[in-house]
């Protein structure tokens, strides 16, 4: 298998975690997003959406969308299982993945500022227009334009932080019903939340390190053995959960 991915890509991180859980070997191709390789004609042939990740199977067929890839891997390589055996819990898992995916725009506000925005800001108007013509998604065209010419305001960043923190409320509610987000077994639902925990750690937790913990936010995952969320090759992503939990001012 060949995985086209990017290290800082939220969706790519999910698939890498799933592959690591399965112990599956794969060839890695890191897509240079700063050079907009994911919008090149060659890449669009394997993924018309122009996003990462893309998984190329051994027979040459391709899959994209991280949730779809993770479910395919679990169906094809069922050990260890990453989906609940109960049909209702599988439905809950998929609802959770869709809920998390609906918040992806809040990640873009923070993800792109670390590297892509610095590159895009240097383009001339002509270069920007030419590059935007190659982006197949209007949503991503807008994101690139914002990165290049109209950085997110502090008010917009604050709103995005707020929405990410609201995700913690949902996590706490779900974890309170079992050892993991969906019942008592680690699943793709837990994998789906990795990038959000990472950004909350970077953009909120560290920002508030000098403040007293908020009494409104109970600790989640203070016992790594109780609520886990620290598995696979991106284990460091879960540090805040596995060591001290999510006791951050919101």
Protein backbone atom coordinates (compact mmCIF):
# COMPACT_ATOMS: atom_id res chain seq x y z
CA UNK A 1 0.00 0.00 0.00
CA UNK A 2 1.06 3.56 -0.69
CA UNK A 3 -0.10 6.40 1.53
CA UNK A 4 -0.07 9.96 0.21
CA UNK A 5 -0.19 12.12 3.33
CA UNK A 6 1.13 15.19 5.13
CA UNK A 7 2.54 15.18 8.64
CA UNK A 8 0.47 18.10 9.94
CA UNK A 9 -2.70 17.03 8.14
CA UNK A 10 -5.47 16.15 10.57
CA UNK A 11 -6.98 13.51 8.31
CA UNK A 12 -3.58 12.00 7.52
CA UNK A 13 -2.87 11.59 11.21
CA UNK A 14 -6.02 9.51 11.60
CA UNK A 15 -5.04 7.07 8.86
CA UNK A 16 -1.49 6.74 10.20
CA UNK A 17 -2.92 5.90 13.60
CA UNK A 18 -5.19 3.26 12.10
CA UNK A 19 -2.35 1.70 10.12
CA UNK A 20 -0.20 1.65 13.24
CA UNK A 21 -2.94 -0.03 15.27
CA UNK A 22 -3.21 -2.71 12.60
CA UNK A 23 0.56 -3.12 12.36
CA UNK A 24 0.37 -2.66 8.59
CA UNK A 25 3.41 -1.76 6.53
CA UNK A 26 2.98 0.87 3.85
CA UNK A 27 5.02 3.04 1.54
CA UNK A 28 4.94 6.68 2.57
CA UNK A 29 4.78 9.64 0.22
CA UNK A 30 4.70 12.98 2.02
CA UNK A 31 2.76 15.47 -0.08
CA UNK A 32 4.34 18.94 -0.21
CA UNK A 33 1.31 21.07 0.57
CA UNK A 34 3.31 24.29 0.63
CA UNK A 35 4.07 23.72 -3.05
CA UNK A 36 0.41 22.70 -3.54
CA UNK A 37 1.41 19.25 -4.75
CA UNK A 38 -2.04 18.00 -3.74
CA UNK A 39 -3.53 20.23 -6.45
CA UNK A 40 -1.18 19.06 -9.19
CA UNK A 41 -2.64 17.24 -12.23
CA UNK A 42 -0.81 14.07 -11.21
CA UNK A 43 -2.28 14.04 -7.72
CA UNK A 44 -5.78 14.96 -8.86
CA UNK A 45 -5.78 11.81 -10.98
CA UNK A 46 -5.73 9.69 -7.81
CA UNK A 47 -7.76 12.07 -5.63
CA UNK A 48 -10.03 14.47 -7.56
CA UNK A 49 -10.82 16.32 -4.32
CA UNK A 50 -7.23 17.51 -4.04
CA UNK A 51 -6.86 16.66 -0.35
CA UNK A 52 -4.81 14.27 1.75
CA UNK A 53 -4.67 11.46 2.60
CA UNK A 54 -5.03 9.06 -0.31
CA UNK A 55 -4.40 5.36 0.11
CA UNK A 56 -3.33 3.45 -3.00
CA UNK A 57 -4.10 -0.24 -2.65
CA UNK A 58 -1.82 -2.99 -3.90
CA UNK A 59 -4.02 -3.47 -6.98
CA UNK A 60 -3.77 0.22 -7.90
CA UNK A 61 -7.20 1.32 -6.73
CA UNK A 62 -7.35 4.41 -4.52
CA UNK A 63 -9.31 5.47 -1.47
CA UNK A 64 -9.68 8.90 0.10
CA UNK A 65 -11.53 10.42 3.07
CA UNK A 66 -9.93 9.34 6.33
CA UNK A 67 -13.07 7.82 7.85
CA UNK A 68 -13.65 5.70 4.77
CA UNK A 69 -10.03 4.55 4.71
CA UNK A 70 -10.11 3.59 8.39
CA UNK A 71 -13.30 1.56 7.97
CA UNK A 72 -11.88 -0.16 4.88
CA UNK A 73 -8.74 -1.10 6.79
CA UNK A 74 -10.78 -2.46 9.67
CA UNK A 75 -12.97 -4.55 7.38
CA UNK A 76 -10.03 -5.86 5.39
CA UNK A 77 -7.67 -6.38 8.33
CA UNK A 78 -10.01 -7.11 11.27
CA UNK A 79 -7.36 -7.75 13.92
CA UNK A 80 -7.33 -5.88 16.19
CA UNK A 81 -10.90 -4.66 15.69
CA UNK A 82 -11.42 -0.90 15.60
CA UNK A 83 -15.22 -0.90 15.33
CA UNK A 84 -17.73 -1.99 17.96
CA UNK A 85 -19.26 -5.44 17.46
CA UNK A 86 -22.69 -4.05 18.37
CA UNK A 87 -24.55 -2.50 15.41
CA UNK A 88 -25.95 0.35 17.50
CA UNK A 89 -22.50 1.28 18.81
CA UNK A 90 -21.13 1.18 15.26
CA UNK A 91 -23.81 3.70 14.31
CA UNK A 92 -22.86 5.87 17.30
CA UNK A 93 -19.22 5.65 16.19
CA UNK A 94 -20.13 6.88 12.70
CA UNK A 95 -22.26 9.69 14.12
CA UNK A 96 -19.32 10.76 16.25
CA UNK A 97 -16.97 10.77 13.25
CA UNK A 98 -19.43 12.93 11.28
CA UNK A 99 -19.84 15.26 14.26
CA UNK A 100 -16.08 15.69 14.52
CA UNK A 101 -15.68 16.16 10.76
CA UNK A 102 -18.24 18.96 10.93
CA UNK A 103 -15.78 20.92 13.07
CA UNK A 104 -12.84 20.60 10.69
CA UNK A 105 -13.09 24.26 9.71
CA UNK A 106 -12.12 25.21 13.24
CA UNK A 107 -8.90 23.24 12.82
CA UNK A 108 -8.04 24.98 9.55
CA UNK A 109 -8.05 28.32 11.38
CA UNK A 110 -5.05 27.07 13.39
CA UNK A 111 -3.49 24.39 11.18
CA UNK A 112 -2.63 26.62 8.25
CA UNK A 113 -1.14 29.51 10.19
CA UNK A 114 1.88 27.40 11.17
CA UNK A 115 3.24 26.95 7.64
CA UNK A 116 0.90 27.34 4.67
CA UNK A 117 -0.12 30.90 5.46
CA UNK A 118 3.51 32.01 5.63
CA UNK A 119 4.10 30.65 2.14
CA UNK A 120 0.84 31.90 0.62
CA UNK A 121 1.37 35.43 1.95
CA UNK A 122 4.44 35.77 -0.30
CA UNK A 123 2.57 35.09 -3.54
CA UNK A 124 1.78 37.93 -5.88
CA UNK A 125 -1.85 38.50 -6.83
CA UNK A 126 -1.20 36.80 -10.17
CA UNK A 127 0.43 33.78 -8.49
CA UNK A 128 -2.44 33.51 -6.04
CA UNK A 129 -5.07 33.63 -8.80
CA UNK A 130 -3.24 30.95 -10.78
CA UNK A 131 -2.96 28.65 -7.77
CA UNK A 132 -6.59 29.13 -6.77
CA UNK A 133 -7.70 28.04 -10.24
CA UNK A 134 -6.14 24.63 -9.52
CA UNK A 135 -8.02 24.11 -6.24
CA UNK A 136 -11.14 21.98 -6.94
CA UNK A 137 -13.00 22.87 -3.73
CA UNK A 138 -14.55 26.31 -3.23
CA UNK A 139 -14.18 25.86 0.53
CA UNK A 140 -10.45 25.26 0.15
CA UNK A 141 -10.15 28.16 -2.30
CA UNK A 142 -11.56 30.39 0.42
CA UNK A 143 -9.14 28.92 2.97
CA UNK A 144 -6.17 29.57 0.70
CA UNK A 145 -7.36 33.11 0.02
CA UNK A 146 -7.72 33.75 3.75
CA UNK A 147 -4.25 32.33 4.33
CA UNK A 148 -2.71 34.52 1.65
CA UNK A 149 -4.56 37.81 1.97
CA UNK A 150 -6.97 37.89 4.88
CA UNK A 151 -5.59 36.24 8.04
CA UNK A 152 -8.13 35.12 10.61
CA UNK A 153 -8.81 37.78 13.21
CA UNK A 154 -8.35 37.18 16.90
CA UNK A 155 -12.14 37.22 17.23
CA UNK A 156 -12.41 34.42 14.65
CA UNK A 157 -9.64 32.47 16.35
CA UNK A 158 -11.37 32.87 19.70
CA UNK A 159 -14.63 31.57 18.22
CA UNK A 160 -12.80 28.58 16.75
CA UNK A 161 -11.18 27.88 20.12
CA UNK A 162 -14.57 28.06 21.78
CA UNK A 163 -16.05 25.52 19.36
CA UNK A 164 -13.11 23.17 19.87
CA UNK A 165 -13.57 23.34 23.62
CA UNK A 166 -17.26 22.51 23.21
CA UNK A 167 -16.07 19.26 21.68
CA UNK A 168 -14.59 18.37 25.05
CA UNK A 169 -18.04 18.47 26.61
CA UNK A 170 -19.20 15.86 24.13
CA UNK A 171 -16.12 13.77 24.81
CA UNK A 172 -16.65 13.90 28.56
CA UNK A 173 -20.26 12.85 28.16
CA UNK A 174 -19.35 9.90 25.96
CA UNK A 175 -16.37 8.76 28.02
CA UNK A 176 -18.56 8.86 31.12
CA UNK A 177 -20.57 6.01 29.61
CA UNK A 178 -17.61 3.68 29.08
CA UNK A 179 -13.83 3.33 29.07
CA UNK A 180 -13.56 4.80 25.55
CA UNK A 181 -15.59 7.20 23.47
CA UNK A 182 -17.93 4.46 22.23
CA UNK A 183 -18.31 1.79 24.88
CA UNK A 184 -15.46 -0.16 26.43
CA UNK A 185 -13.30 -0.72 23.34
CA UNK A 186 -10.91 1.55 21.48
CA UNK A 187 -12.34 2.40 18.06
CA UNK A 188 -12.15 4.67 15.05
CA UNK A 189 -14.17 7.16 17.12
CA UNK A 190 -11.14 7.64 19.36
CA UNK A 191 -8.85 7.91 16.34
CA UNK A 192 -11.13 10.58 14.85
CA UNK A 193 -10.61 12.96 17.74
CA UNK A 194 -6.79 12.93 17.70
CA UNK A 195 -6.25 16.08 15.60
CA UNK A 196 -8.70 18.03 17.74
CA UNK A 197 -6.97 17.07 20.97
CA UNK A 198 -3.68 18.07 19.37
CA UNK A 199 -4.94 21.52 18.42
CA UNK A 200 -6.66 22.04 21.77
CA UNK A 201 -3.37 21.16 23.42
CA UNK A 202 -1.41 23.59 21.25
CA UNK A 203 -3.88 26.45 20.95
CA UNK A 204 -5.72 26.38 24.27
CA UNK A 205 -3.96 24.34 26.94
CA UNK A 206 -0.54 25.94 26.51
CA UNK A 207 -2.16 29.33 26.13
CA UNK A 208 -3.77 28.87 29.54
CA UNK A 209 -0.90 27.18 31.37
CA UNK A 210 -0.39 30.15 33.65
CA UNK A 211 -4.05 30.22 34.66
CA UNK A 212 -5.75 28.18 37.33
CA UNK A 213 -7.70 25.20 36.01
CA UNK A 214 -11.35 25.94 35.40
CA UNK A 215 -13.77 24.31 37.87
CA UNK A 216 -16.22 24.01 34.94
CA UNK A 217 -14.05 21.49 33.17
CA UNK A 218 -13.60 18.17 34.94
CA UNK A 219 -10.50 16.15 34.30
CA UNK A 220 -10.81 13.61 31.50
CA UNK A 221 -8.35 10.77 31.15
CA UNK A 222 -6.39 11.53 34.30
CA UNK A 223 -5.88 7.78 34.56
CA UNK A 224 -4.32 6.56 31.30
CA UNK A 225 -5.53 3.06 32.03
CA UNK A 226 -9.09 4.24 32.51
CA UNK A 227 -9.81 6.25 29.41
CA UNK A 228 -6.77 5.52 27.28
CA UNK A 229 -6.73 7.75 24.22
CA UNK A 230 -2.97 7.22 23.94
CA UNK A 231 -2.35 4.58 21.30
CA UNK A 232 -0.53 4.21 18.02
CA UNK A 233 2.35 6.07 16.35
CA UNK A 234 1.05 9.57 17.22
CA UNK A 235 0.87 8.85 20.94
CA UNK A 236 2.33 12.23 21.86
CA UNK A 237 -0.86 13.82 20.58
CA UNK A 238 -2.67 12.48 23.61
CA UNK A 239 -0.23 13.73 26.24
CA UNK A 240 -2.67 16.18 27.75
CA UNK A 241 -5.27 13.44 28.09
CA UNK A 242 -3.05 10.64 29.27
CA UNK A 243 -1.00 12.58 31.82
CA UNK A 244 -3.12 15.29 33.38
CA UNK A 245 -6.36 15.24 31.46
CA UNK A 246 -8.25 18.19 30.03
CA UNK A 247 -8.31 20.50 33.06
CA UNK A 248 -7.96 23.71 31.06
CA UNK A 249 -9.61 27.06 31.40
CA UNK A 250 -12.16 27.57 28.64
